[in-house]
Amino acid sequence: MNTNDLKSSKAPVSTVTINRNEFDAPTENIYEAISIAAKRAVQINSEIKKELLEKLEEFATYSDSLEEVFENKEQIEVSKFYERLPKPHAIAVREWLDDKIYYRNTEKDA
């Protein structure tokens, strides 16, 4: 997942109500569906965090003095961009509803 994928995500930025029957239809088990979406949200969050830290590292300025604080305009803009993105759980739910998450039940496969 990269910045372009995040920008084009149709995930809502604010809270929305989802039809429970639509959400658990693929698994026929609401707990399993939530578990799958939650695991995907953790993956998305990790990817976003890694990408953000890489971008912020480009603007990092190191100083020997702890008292000096530098405000870097580019760094602030990058942070604001990531703050405006949909939350990882919203992206994961949207991916789940759009059938973009691969999952399998290993207990049923055995």
PDB file of N, CA and C in Angstrom:
ATOM      1  N   MET A   1       0.851  -1.164   0.000  1.00  0.00           N
ATOM      2  CA  MET A   1       0.000   0.000   0.000  1.00  0.00           C
ATOM      3  C   MET A   1       0.895   1.223   0.000  1.00  0.00           C
ATOM      4  N   ASN A   2       0.616   2.171  -0.884  1.00  0.00           N
ATOM      5  CA  ASN A   2       1.402   3.396  -0.903  1.00  0.00           C
ATOM      6  C   ASN A   2       0.477   4.602  -0.800  1.00  0.00           C
ATOM      7  N   THR A   3       1.065   5.784  -0.858  1.00  0.00           N
ATOM      8  CA  THR A   3       0.310   7.013  -0.677  1.00  0.00           C
ATOM      9  C   THR A   3      -0.822   7.137  -1.691  1.00  0.00           C
ATOM     10  N   ASN A   4      -0.579   6.742  -2.934  1.00  0.00           N
ATOM     11  CA  ASN A   4      -1.629   6.839  -3.947  1.00  0.00           C
ATOM     12  C   ASN A   4      -2.805   5.936  -3.624  1.00  0.00           C
ATOM     13  N   ASP A   5      -2.526   4.741  -3.106  1.00  0.00           N
ATOM     14  CA  ASP A   5      -3.603   3.841  -2.702  1.00  0.00           C
ATOM     15  C   ASP A   5      -4.421   4.449  -1.574  1.00  0.00           C
ATOM     16  N   LEU A   6      -3.746   5.118  -0.662  1.00  0.00           N
ATOM     17  CA  LEU A   6      -4.436   5.730   0.466  1.00  0.00           C
ATOM     18  C   LEU A   6      -5.313   6.886   0.006  1.00  0.00           C
ATOM     19  N   LYS A   7      -4.802   7.695  -0.932  1.00  0.00           N
ATOM     20  CA  LYS A   7      -5.577   8.824  -1.444  1.00  0.00           C
ATOM     21  C   LYS A   7      -6.819   8.357  -2.171  1.00  0.00           C
ATOM     22  N   SER A   8      -6.697   7.259  -2.917  1.00  0.00           N
ATOM     23  CA  SER A   8      -7.814   6.792  -3.729  1.00  0.00           C
ATOM     24  C   SER A   8      -8.760   5.865  -2.972  1.00  0.00           C
ATOM     25  N   SER A   9      -8.457   5.583  -1.705  1.00  0.00           N
ATOM     26  CA  SER A   9      -9.315   4.715  -0.903  1.00  0.00           C
ATOM     27  C   SER A   9     -10.697   5.335  -0.752  1.00  0.00           C
ATOM     28  N   LYS A  10     -11.709   4.513  -0.893  1.00  0.00           N
ATOM     29  CA  LYS A  10     -13.081   4.990  -0.747  1.00  0.00           C
ATOM     30  C   LYS A  10     -13.565   4.840   0.691  1.00  0.00           C
ATOM     31  N   ALA A  11     -12.633   4.568   1.597  1.00  0.00           N
ATOM     32  CA  ALA A  11     -12.977   4.417   3.013  1.00  0.00           C
ATOM     33  C   ALA A  11     -13.403   5.775   3.577  1.00  0.00           C
ATOM     34  N   PRO A  12     -14.428   5.768   4.415  1.00  0.00           N
ATOM     35  CA  PRO A  12     -14.889   7.032   5.002  1.00  0.00           C
ATOM     36  C   PRO A  12     -13.900   7.561   6.033  1.00  0.00           C
ATOM     37  N   VAL A  13     -13.829   8.873   6.145  1.00  0.00           N
ATOM     38  CA  VAL A  13     -12.952   9.503   7.122  1.00  0.00           C
ATOM     39  C   VAL A  13     -13.657   9.570   8.477  1.00  0.00           C
ATOM     40  N   SER A  14     -14.978   9.616   8.461  1.00  0.00           N
ATOM     41  CA  SER A  14     -15.734   9.650   9.709  1.00  0.00           C
ATOM     42  C   SER A  14     -16.478   8.331   9.902  1.00  0.00           C
ATOM     43  N   THR A  15     -17.116   8.175  11.022  1.00  0.00           N
ATOM     44  CA  THR A  15     -17.812   6.943  11.373  1.00  0.00           C
ATOM     45  C   THR A  15     -19.071   6.766  10.530  1.00  0.00           C
ATOM     46  N   VAL A  16     -19.273   5.551  10.035  1.00  0.00           N
ATOM     47  CA  VAL A  16     -20.485   5.225   9.287  1.00  0.00           C
ATOM     48  C   VAL A  16     -21.047   3.901   9.805  1.00  0.00           C
ATOM     49  N   THR A  17     -22.349   3.737   9.625  1.00  0.00           N
ATOM     50  CA  THR A  17     -22.997   2.498  10.029  1.00  0.00           C
ATOM     51  C   THR A  17     -22.924   1.509   8.883  1.00  0.00           C
ATOM     52  N   ILE A  18     -22.624   0.262   9.209  1.00  0.00           N
ATOM     53  CA  ILE A  18     -22.496  -0.779   8.190  1.00  0.00           C
ATOM     54  C   ILE A  18     -23.545  -1.848   8.455  1.00  0.00           C
ATOM     55  N   ASN A  19     -24.119  -2.370   7.395  1.00  0.00           N
ATOM     56  CA  ASN A  19     -25.096  -3.446   7.507  1.00  0.00           C
ATOM     57  C   ASN A  19     -24.392  -4.710   7.981  1.00  0.00           C
ATOM     58  N   ARG A  20     -24.777  -5.195   9.148  1.00  0.00           N
ATOM     59  CA  ARG A  20     -24.155  -6.371   9.743  1.00  0.00           C
ATOM     60  C   ARG A  20     -24.246  -7.574   8.824  1.00  0.00           C
ATOM     61  N   ASN A  21     -25.393  -7.766   8.184  1.00  0.00           N
ATOM     62  CA  ASN A  21     -25.578  -8.926   7.301  1.00  0.00           C
ATOM     63  C   ASN A  21     -24.640  -8.866   6.098  1.00  0.00           C
ATOM     64  N   GLU A  22     -24.399  -7.677   5.599  1.00  0.00           N
ATOM     65  CA  GLU A  22     -23.468  -7.509   4.481  1.00  0.00           C
ATOM     66  C   GLU A  22     -22.033  -7.770   4.946  1.00  0.00           C
ATOM     67  N   PHE A  23     -21.722  -7.336   6.168  1.00  0.00           N
ATOM     68  CA  PHE A  23     -20.363  -7.473   6.691  1.00  0.00           C
ATOM     69  C   PHE A  23     -19.981  -8.926   6.945  1.00  0.00           C
ATOM     70  N   ASP A  24     -20.906  -9.695   7.523  1.00  0.00           N
ATOM     71  CA  ASP A  24     -20.545 -11.079   7.851  1.00  0.00           C
ATOM     72  C   ASP A  24     -20.961 -12.100   6.797  1.00  0.00           C
ATOM     73  N   ALA A  25     -21.503 -11.649   5.675  1.00  0.00           N
ATOM     74  CA  ALA A  25     -21.955 -12.562   4.621  1.00  0.00           C
ATOM     75  C   ALA A  25     -20.861 -13.507   4.107  1.00  0.00           C
ATOM     76  N   PRO A  26     -19.639 -13.042   3.853  1.00  0.00           N
ATOM     77  CA  PRO A  26     -18.614 -13.958   3.317  1.00  0.00           C
ATOM     78  C   PRO A  26     -18.265 -15.115   4.254  1.00  0.00           C
ATOM     79  N   THR A  27     -18.296 -14.881   5.556  1.00  0.00           N
ATOM     80  CA  THR A  27     -17.901 -15.919   6.507  1.00  0.00           C
ATOM     81  C   THR A  27     -19.088 -16.548   7.228  1.00  0.00           C
ATOM     82  N   GLU A  28     -20.222 -15.869   7.193  1.00  0.00           N
ATOM     83  CA  GLU A  28     -21.424 -16.271   7.928  1.00  0.00           C
ATOM     84  C   GLU A  28     -21.165 -16.299   9.434  1.00  0.00           C
ATOM     85  N   ASN A  29     -20.164 -15.556   9.878  1.00  0.00           N
ATOM     86  CA  ASN A  29     -19.823 -15.487  11.287  1.00  0.00           C
ATOM     87  C   ASN A  29     -19.281 -14.086  11.560  1.00  0.00           C
ATOM     88  N   ILE A  30     -20.015 -13.291  12.319  1.00  0.00           N
ATOM     89  CA  ILE A  30     -19.627 -11.901  12.559  1.00  0.00           C
ATOM     90  C   ILE A  30     -18.280 -11.797  13.256  1.00  0.00           C
ATOM     91  N   TYR A  31     -17.990 -12.712  14.182  1.00  0.00           N
ATOM     92  CA  TYR A  31     -16.730 -12.665  14.916  1.00  0.00           C
ATOM     93  C   TYR A  31     -15.541 -12.953  14.000  1.00  0.00           C
ATOM     94  N   GLU A  32     -15.717 -13.901  13.106  1.00  0.00           N
ATOM     95  CA  GLU A  32     -14.650 -14.225  12.157  1.00  0.00           C
ATOM     96  C   GLU A  32     -14.419 -13.060  11.199  1.00  0.00           C
ATOM     97  N   ALA A  33     -15.502 -12.450  10.737  1.00  0.00           N
ATOM     98  CA  ALA A  33     -15.387 -11.313   9.817  1.00  0.00           C
ATOM     99  C   ALA A  33     -14.671 -10.143  10.494  1.00  0.00           C
ATOM    100  N   ILE A  34     -15.032  -9.865  11.732  1.00  0.00           N
ATOM    101  CA  ILE A  34     -14.380  -8.777  12.468  1.00  0.00           C
ATOM    102  C   ILE A  34     -12.908  -9.096  12.698  1.00  0.00           C
ATOM    103  N   SER A  35     -12.605 -10.339  13.026  1.00  0.00           N
ATOM    104  CA  SER A  35     -11.224 -10.748  13.250  1.00  0.00           C
ATOM    105  C   SER A  35     -10.379 -10.558  11.995  1.00  0.00           C
ATOM    106  N   ILE A  36     -10.918 -10.929  10.857  1.00  0.00           N
ATOM    107  CA  ILE A  36     -10.191 -10.778   9.591  1.00  0.00           C
ATOM    108  C   ILE A  36      -9.940  -9.304   9.294  1.00  0.00           C
ATOM    109  N   ALA A  37     -10.976  -8.480   9.434  1.00  0.00           N
ATOM    110  CA  ALA A  37     -10.835  -7.043   9.176  1.00  0.00           C
ATOM    111  C   ALA A  37      -9.860  -6.413  10.170  1.00  0.00           C
ATOM    112  N   ALA A  38      -9.896  -6.852  11.410  1.00  0.00           N
ATOM    113  CA  ALA A  38      -8.991  -6.305  12.431  1.00  0.00           C
ATOM    114  C   ALA A  38      -7.531  -6.642  12.110  1.00  0.00           C
ATOM    115  N   LYS A  39      -7.290  -7.863  11.661  1.00  0.00           N
ATOM    116  CA  LYS A  39      -5.920  -8.253  11.299  1.00  0.00           C
ATOM    117  C   LYS A  39      -5.425  -7.427  10.120  1.00  0.00           C
ATOM    118  N   ARG A  40      -6.300  -7.166   9.174  1.00  0.00           N
ATOM    119  CA  ARG A  40      -5.934  -6.342   8.025  1.00  0.00           C
ATOM    120  C   ARG A  40      -5.665  -4.899   8.472  1.00  0.00           C
ATOM    121  N   ALA A  41      -6.460  -4.401   9.409  1.00  0.00           N
ATOM    122  CA  ALA A  41      -6.256  -3.037   9.916  1.00  0.00           C
ATOM    123  C   ALA A  41      -4.887  -2.900  10.571  1.00  0.00           C
ATOM    124  N   VAL A  42      -4.453  -3.929  11.283  1.00  0.00           N
ATOM    125  CA  VAL A  42      -3.122  -3.920  11.910  1.00  0.00           C
ATOM    126  C   VAL A  42      -2.044  -3.865  10.824  1.00  0.00           C
ATOM    127  N   GLN A  43      -2.230  -4.638   9.750  1.00  0.00           N
ATOM    128  CA  GLN A  43      -1.265  -4.608   8.642  1.00  0.00           C
ATOM    129  C   GLN A  43      -1.215  -3.223   8.008  1.00  0.00           C
ATOM    130  N   ILE A  44      -2.377  -2.642   7.747  1.00  0.00           N
ATOM    131  CA  ILE A  44      -2.449  -1.318   7.112  1.00  0.00           C
ATOM    132  C   ILE A  44      -1.780  -0.284   8.007  1.00  0.00           C
ATOM    133  N   ASN A  45      -2.085  -0.331   9.310  1.00  0.00           N
ATOM    134  CA  ASN A  45      -1.497   0.613  10.253  1.00  0.00           C
ATOM    135  C   ASN A  45       0.024   0.508  10.248  1.00  0.00           C
ATOM    136  N   SER A  46       0.533  -0.694  10.217  1.00  0.00           N
ATOM    137  CA  SER A  46       1.974  -0.908  10.190  1.00  0.00           C
ATOM    138  C   SER A  46       2.590  -0.329   8.917  1.00  0.00           C
ATOM    139  N   GLU A  47       1.934  -0.547   7.778  1.00  0.00           N
ATOM    140  CA  GLU A  47       2.429  -0.020   6.504  1.00  0.00           C
ATOM    141  C   GLU A  47       2.424   1.509   6.502  1.00  0.00           C
ATOM    142  N   ILE A  48       1.348   2.106   6.997  1.00  0.00           N
ATOM    143  CA  ILE A  48       1.247   3.564   7.040  1.00  0.00           C
ATOM    144  C   ILE A  48       2.318   4.142   7.959  1.00  0.00           C
ATOM    145  N   LYS A  49       2.489   3.530   9.117  1.00  0.00           N
ATOM    146  CA  LYS A  49       3.482   4.019  10.083  1.00  0.00           C
ATOM    147  C   LYS A  49       4.887   3.947   9.498  1.00  0.00           C
ATOM    148  N   LYS A  50       5.205   2.843   8.844  1.00  0.00           N
ATOM    149  CA  LYS A  50       6.523   2.682   8.234  1.00  0.00           C
ATOM    150  C   LYS A  50       6.755   3.752   7.165  1.00  0.00           C
ATOM    151  N   GLU A  51       5.756   3.961   6.319  1.00  0.00           N
ATOM    152  CA  GLU A  51       5.872   4.954   5.250  1.00  0.00           C
ATOM    153  C   GLU A  51       6.009   6.364   5.826  1.00  0.00           C
ATOM    154  N   LEU A  52       5.232   6.681   6.844  1.00  0.00           N
ATOM    155  CA  LEU A  52       5.302   8.002   7.474  1.00  0.00           C
ATOM    156  C   LEU A  52       6.670   8.238   8.089  1.00  0.00           C
ATOM    157  N   LEU A  53       7.175   7.264   8.819  1.00  0.00           N
ATOM    158  CA  LEU A  53       8.487   7.423   9.452  1.00  0.00           C
ATOM    159  C   LEU A  53       9.597   7.600   8.416  1.00  0.00           C
ATOM    160  N   GLU A  54       9.501   6.893   7.284  1.00  0.00           N
ATOM    161  CA  GLU A  54      10.490   7.056   6.215  1.00  0.00           C
ATOM    162  C   GLU A  54      10.455   8.471   5.654  1.00  0.00           C
ATOM    163  N   LYS A  55       9.235   8.991   5.449  1.00  0.00           N
ATOM    164  CA  LYS A  55       9.113  10.345   4.898  1.00  0.00           C
ATOM    165  C   LYS A  55       9.588  11.394   5.889  1.00  0.00           C
ATOM    166  N   LEU A  56       9.260  11.216   7.164  1.00  0.00           N
ATOM    167  CA  LEU A  56       9.695  12.182   8.173  1.00  0.00           C
ATOM    168  C   LEU A  56      11.208  12.141   8.357  1.00  0.00           C
ATOM    169  N   GLU A  57      11.797  10.976   8.185  1.00  0.00           N
ATOM    170  CA  GLU A  57      13.254  10.832   8.318  1.00  0.00           C
ATOM    171  C   GLU A  57      13.982  11.670   7.268  1.00  0.00           C
ATOM    172  N   GLU A  58      13.371  11.854   6.110  1.00  0.00           N
ATOM    173  CA  GLU A  58      13.992  12.670   5.056  1.00  0.00           C
ATOM    174  C   GLU A  58      14.188  14.107   5.510  1.00  0.00           C
ATOM    175  N   PHE A  59      13.312  14.576   6.402  1.00  0.00           N
ATOM    176  CA  PHE A  59      13.364  15.966   6.840  1.00  0.00           C
ATOM    177  C   PHE A  59      14.019  16.135   8.209  1.00  0.00           C
ATOM    178  N   ALA A  60      14.496  15.051   8.780  1.00  0.00           N
ATOM    179  CA  ALA A  60      15.036  15.108  10.129  1.00  0.00           C
ATOM    180  C   ALA A  60      16.275  15.979  10.191  1.00  0.00           C
ATOM    181  N   THR A  61      16.341  16.773  11.233  1.00  0.00           N
ATOM    182  CA  THR A  61      17.530  17.574  11.507  1.00  0.00           C
ATOM    183  C   THR A  61      18.000  17.197  12.899  1.00  0.00           C
ATOM    184  N   TYR A  62      19.268  16.888  13.006  1.00  0.00           N
ATOM    185  CA  TYR A  62      19.811  16.441  14.275  1.00  0.00           C
ATOM    186  C   TYR A  62      20.618  17.566  14.908  1.00  0.00           C
ATOM    187  N   SER A  63      20.456  17.691  16.189  1.00  0.00           N
ATOM    188  CA  SER A  63      21.138  18.753  16.917  1.00  0.00           C
ATOM    189  C   SER A  63      21.655  18.191  18.237  1.00  0.00           C
ATOM    190  N   ASP A  64      22.780  18.739  18.689  1.00  0.00           N
ATOM    191  CA  ASP A  64      23.339  18.292  19.967  1.00  0.00           C
ATOM    192  C   ASP A  64      22.570  18.878  21.148  1.00  0.00           C
ATOM    193  N   SER A  65      21.925  19.985  20.918  1.00  0.00           N
ATOM    194  CA  SER A  65      21.211  20.660  21.995  1.00  0.00           C
ATOM    195  C   SER A  65      19.766  20.194  22.063  1.00  0.00           C
ATOM    196  N   LEU A  66      19.349  19.770  23.229  1.00  0.00           N
ATOM    197  CA  LEU A  66      17.965  19.341  23.405  1.00  0.00           C
ATOM    198  C   LEU A  66      17.011  20.529  23.421  1.00  0.00           C
ATOM    199  N   GLU A  67      17.535  21.708  23.668  1.00  0.00           N
ATOM    200  CA  GLU A  67      16.692  22.895  23.766  1.00  0.00           C
ATOM    201  C   GLU A  67      16.270  23.425  22.400  1.00  0.00           C
ATOM    202  N   GLU A  68      17.026  23.084  21.383  1.00  0.00           N
ATOM    203  CA  GLU A  68      16.695  23.574  20.046  1.00  0.00           C
ATOM    204  C   GLU A  68      15.595  22.716  19.426  1.00  0.00           C
ATOM    205  N   VAL A  69      14.549  23.365  18.985  1.00  0.00           N
ATOM    206  CA  VAL A  69      13.464  22.663  18.309  1.00  0.00           C
ATOM    207  C   VAL A  69      13.282  23.333  16.958  1.00  0.00           C
ATOM    208  N   PHE A  70      13.329  22.524  15.926  1.00  0.00           N
ATOM    209  CA  PHE A  70      13.185  23.063  14.586  1.00  0.00           C
ATOM    210  C   PHE A  70      11.795  22.737  14.052  1.00  0.00           C
ATOM    211  N   GLU A  71      11.121  23.737  13.538  1.00  0.00           N
ATOM    212  CA  GLU A  71       9.850  23.494  12.868  1.00  0.00           C
ATOM    213  C   GLU A  71      10.137  23.390  11.386  1.00  0.00           C
ATOM    214  N   ASN A  72       9.889  22.243  10.842  1.00  0.00           N
ATOM    215  CA  ASN A  72      10.147  22.007   9.442  1.00  0.00           C
ATOM    216  C   ASN A  72       8.815  21.982   8.709  1.00  0.00           C
ATOM    217  N   LYS A  73       8.631  22.919   7.794  1.00  0.00           N
ATOM    218  CA  LYS A  73       7.350  23.063   7.092  1.00  0.00           C
ATOM    219  C   LYS A  73       6.963  21.789   6.331  1.00  0.00           C
ATOM    220  N   GLU A  74       7.919  21.179   5.658  1.00  0.00           N
ATOM    221  CA  GLU A  74       7.641  19.963   4.887  1.00  0.00           C
ATOM    222  C   GLU A  74       7.197  18.828   5.812  1.00  0.00           C
ATOM    223  N   GLN A  75       7.861  18.735   6.951  1.00  0.00           N
ATOM    224  CA  GLN A  75       7.534  17.699   7.923  1.00  0.00           C
ATOM    225  C   GLN A  75       6.108  17.889   8.448  1.00  0.00           C
ATOM    226  N   ILE A  76       5.733  19.124   8.688  1.00  0.00           N
ATOM    227  CA  ILE A  76       4.384  19.432   9.164  1.00  0.00           C
ATOM    228  C   ILE A  76       3.357  19.077   8.100  1.00  0.00           C
ATOM    229  N   GLU A  77       3.642  19.379   6.844  1.00  0.00           N
ATOM    230  CA  GLU A  77       2.709  19.063   5.756  1.00  0.00           C
ATOM    231  C   GLU A  77       2.525  17.554   5.595  1.00  0.00           C
ATOM    232  N   VAL A  78       3.621  16.804   5.702  1.00  0.00           N
ATOM    233  CA  VAL A  78       3.537  15.341   5.610  1.00  0.00           C
ATOM    234  C   VAL A  78       2.673  14.802   6.743  1.00  0.00           C
ATOM    235  N   SER A  79       2.893  15.311   7.939  1.00  0.00           N
ATOM    236  CA  SER A  79       2.110  14.858   9.096  1.00  0.00           C
ATOM    237  C   SER A  79       0.632  15.174   8.909  1.00  0.00           C
ATOM    238  N   LYS A  80       0.331  16.362   8.425  1.00  0.00           N
ATOM    239  CA  LYS A  80      -1.075  16.749   8.205  1.00  0.00           C
ATOM    240  C   LYS A  80      -1.729  15.853   7.159  1.00  0.00           C
ATOM    241  N   PHE A  81      -0.975  15.497   6.113  1.00  0.00           N
ATOM    242  CA  PHE A  81      -1.518  14.605   5.086  1.00  0.00           C
ATOM    243  C   PHE A  81      -1.956  13.283   5.705  1.00  0.00           C
ATOM    244  N   TYR A  82      -1.095  12.705   6.527  1.00  0.00           N
ATOM    245  CA  TYR A  82      -1.401  11.415   7.132  1.00  0.00           C
ATOM    246  C   TYR A  82      -2.529  11.519   8.158  1.00  0.00           C
ATOM    247  N   GLU A  83      -2.659  12.662   8.810  1.00  0.00           N
ATOM    248  CA  GLU A  83      -3.747  12.850   9.769  1.00  0.00           C
ATOM    249  C   GLU A  83      -5.103  12.893   9.075  1.00  0.00           C
ATOM    250  N   ARG A  84      -5.146  13.361   7.824  1.00  0.00           N
ATOM    251  CA  ARG A  84      -6.411  13.478   7.089  1.00  0.00           C
ATOM    252  C   ARG A  84      -6.850  12.171   6.429  1.00  0.00           C
ATOM    253  N   LEU A  85      -5.994  11.180   6.429  1.00  0.00           N
ATOM    254  CA  LEU A  85      -6.335   9.902   5.798  1.00  0.00           C
ATOM    255  C   LEU A  85      -7.401   9.166   6.604  1.00  0.00           C
ATOM    256  N   PRO A  86      -8.140   8.278   5.929  1.00  0.00           N
ATOM    257  CA  PRO A  86      -9.055   7.413   6.690  1.00  0.00           C
ATOM    258  C   PRO A  86      -8.249   6.549   7.655  1.00  0.00           C
ATOM    259  N   LYS A  87      -8.848   6.196   8.752  1.00  0.00           N
ATOM    260  CA  LYS A  87      -8.171   5.360   9.742  1.00  0.00           C
ATOM    261  C   LYS A  87      -7.996   3.945   9.198  1.00  0.00           C
ATOM    262  N   PRO A  88      -6.963   3.235   9.662  1.00  0.00           N
ATOM    263  CA  PRO A  88      -6.700   1.878   9.164  1.00  0.00           C
ATOM    264  C   PRO A  88      -7.898   0.933   9.264  1.00  0.00           C
ATOM    265  N   HIS A  89      -8.671   1.042  10.356  1.00  0.00           N
ATOM    266  CA  HIS A  89      -9.828   0.146  10.482  1.00  0.00           C
ATOM    267  C   HIS A  89     -10.883   0.454   9.431  1.00  0.00           C
ATOM    268  N   ALA A  90     -11.034   1.735   9.070  1.00  0.00           N
ATOM    269  CA  ALA A  90     -12.008   2.103   8.039  1.00  0.00           C
ATOM    270  C   ALA A  90     -11.566   1.584   6.669  1.00  0.00           C
ATOM    271  N   ILE A  91     -10.271   1.653   6.407  1.00  0.00           N
ATOM    272  CA  ILE A  91      -9.739   1.129   5.139  1.00  0.00           C
ATOM    273  C   ILE A  91      -9.937  -0.380   5.088  1.00  0.00           C
ATOM    274  N   ALA A  92      -9.655  -1.060   6.195  1.00  0.00           N
ATOM    275  CA  ALA A  92      -9.805  -2.520   6.243  1.00  0.00           C
ATOM    276  C   ALA A  92     -11.266  -2.929   6.047  1.00  0.00           C
ATOM    277  N   VAL A  93     -12.177  -2.229   6.669  1.00  0.00           N
ATOM    278  CA  VAL A  93     -13.606  -2.549   6.505  1.00  0.00           C
ATOM    279  C   VAL A  93     -14.019  -2.335   5.060  1.00  0.00           C
ATOM    280  N   ARG A  94     -13.560  -1.244   4.455  1.00  0.00           N
ATOM    281  CA  ARG A  94     -13.910  -0.983   3.052  1.00  0.00           C
ATOM    282  C   ARG A  94     -13.342  -2.077   2.157  1.00  0.00           C
ATOM    283  N   GLU A  95     -12.109  -2.490   2.390  1.00  0.00           N
ATOM    284  CA  GLU A  95     -11.509  -3.585   1.619  1.00  0.00           C
ATOM    285  C   GLU A  95     -12.304  -4.873   1.812  1.00  0.00           C
ATOM    286  N   TRP A  96     -12.747  -5.137   3.028  1.00  0.00           N
ATOM    287  CA  TRP A  96     -13.529  -6.340   3.320  1.00  0.00           C
ATOM    288  C   TRP A  96     -14.845  -6.314   2.545  1.00  0.00           C
ATOM    289  N   LEU A  97     -15.526  -5.185   2.595  1.00  0.00           N
ATOM    290  CA  LEU A  97     -16.818  -5.073   1.909  1.00  0.00           C
ATOM    291  C   LEU A  97     -16.659  -5.115   0.389  1.00  0.00           C
ATOM    292  N   ASP A  98     -15.523  -4.662  -0.106  1.00  0.00           N
ATOM    293  CA  ASP A  98     -15.246  -4.690  -1.545  1.00  0.00           C
ATOM    294  C   ASP A  98     -14.619  -6.010  -1.979  1.00  0.00           C
ATOM    295  N   ASP A  99     -14.528  -6.972  -1.070  1.00  0.00           N
ATOM    296  CA  ASP A  99     -13.982  -8.307  -1.338  1.00  0.00           C
ATOM    297  C   ASP A  99     -12.535  -8.242  -1.842  1.00  0.00           C
ATOM    298  N   LYS A 100     -11.733  -7.407  -1.187  1.00  0.00           N
ATOM    299  CA  LYS A 100     -10.331  -7.251  -1.570  1.00  0.00           C
ATOM    300  C   LYS A 100      -9.373  -7.887  -0.568  1.00  0.00           C
ATOM    301  N   ILE A 101      -9.912  -8.585   0.419  1.00  0.00           N
ATOM    302  CA  ILE A 101      -9.075  -9.238   1.417  1.00  0.00           C
ATOM    303  C   ILE A 101      -9.138 -10.739   1.190  1.00  0.00           C
ATOM    304  N   TYR A 102      -7.977 -11.336   0.993  1.00  0.00           N
ATOM    305  CA  TYR A 102      -7.909 -12.794   0.852  1.00  0.00           C
ATOM    306  C   TYR A 102      -7.853 -13.399   2.245  1.00  0.00           C
ATOM    307  N   TYR A 103      -8.672 -14.385   2.479  1.00  0.00           N
ATOM    308  CA  TYR A 103      -8.644 -15.094   3.746  1.00  0.00           C
ATOM    309  C   TYR A 103      -8.988 -16.552   3.500  1.00  0.00           C
ATOM    310  N   ARG A 104      -8.602 -17.371   4.460  1.00  0.00           N
ATOM    311  CA  ARG A 104      -8.999 -18.775   4.381  1.00  0.00           C
ATOM    312  C   ARG A 104      -9.098 -19.315   5.791  1.00  0.00           C
ATOM    313  N   ASN A 105      -9.951 -20.268   5.971  1.00  0.00           N
ATOM    314  CA  ASN A 105     -10.140 -20.893   7.255  1.00  0.00           C
ATOM    315  C   ASN A 105      -9.346 -22.190   7.255  1.00  0.00           C
ATOM    316  N   THR A 106      -8.260 -22.230   7.988  1.00  0.00           N
ATOM    317  CA  THR A 106      -7.397 -23.403   7.974  1.00  0.00           C
ATOM    318  C   THR A 106      -8.065 -24.620   8.624  1.00  0.00           C
ATOM    319  N   GLU A 107      -9.016 -24.396   9.524  1.00  0.00           N
ATOM    320  CA  GLU A 107      -9.732 -25.505  10.140  1.00  0.00           C
ATOM    321  C   GLU A 107     -10.621 -26.214   9.133  1.00  0.00           C
ATOM    322  N   LYS A 108     -11.235 -25.444   8.227  1.00  0.00           N
ATOM    323  CA  LYS A 108     -12.103 -26.043   7.201  1.00  0.00           C
ATOM    324  C   LYS A 108     -11.291 -26.678   6.095  1.00  0.00           C
ATOM    325  N   ASP A 109     -10.061 -26.155   5.866  1.00  0.00           N
ATOM    326  CA  ASP A 109      -9.203 -26.687   4.792  1.00  0.00           C
ATOM    327  C   ASP A 109      -8.632 -28.060   5.148  1.00  0.00           C
ATOM    328  N   ALA A 110      -8.535 -28.356   6.427  1.00  0.00           N
ATOM    329  CA  ALA A 110      -7.892 -29.607   6.872  1.00  0.00           C
ATOM    330  C   ALA A 110      -8.766 -30.813   6.604  1.00  0.00           C
TER     331      ALA A 110
END
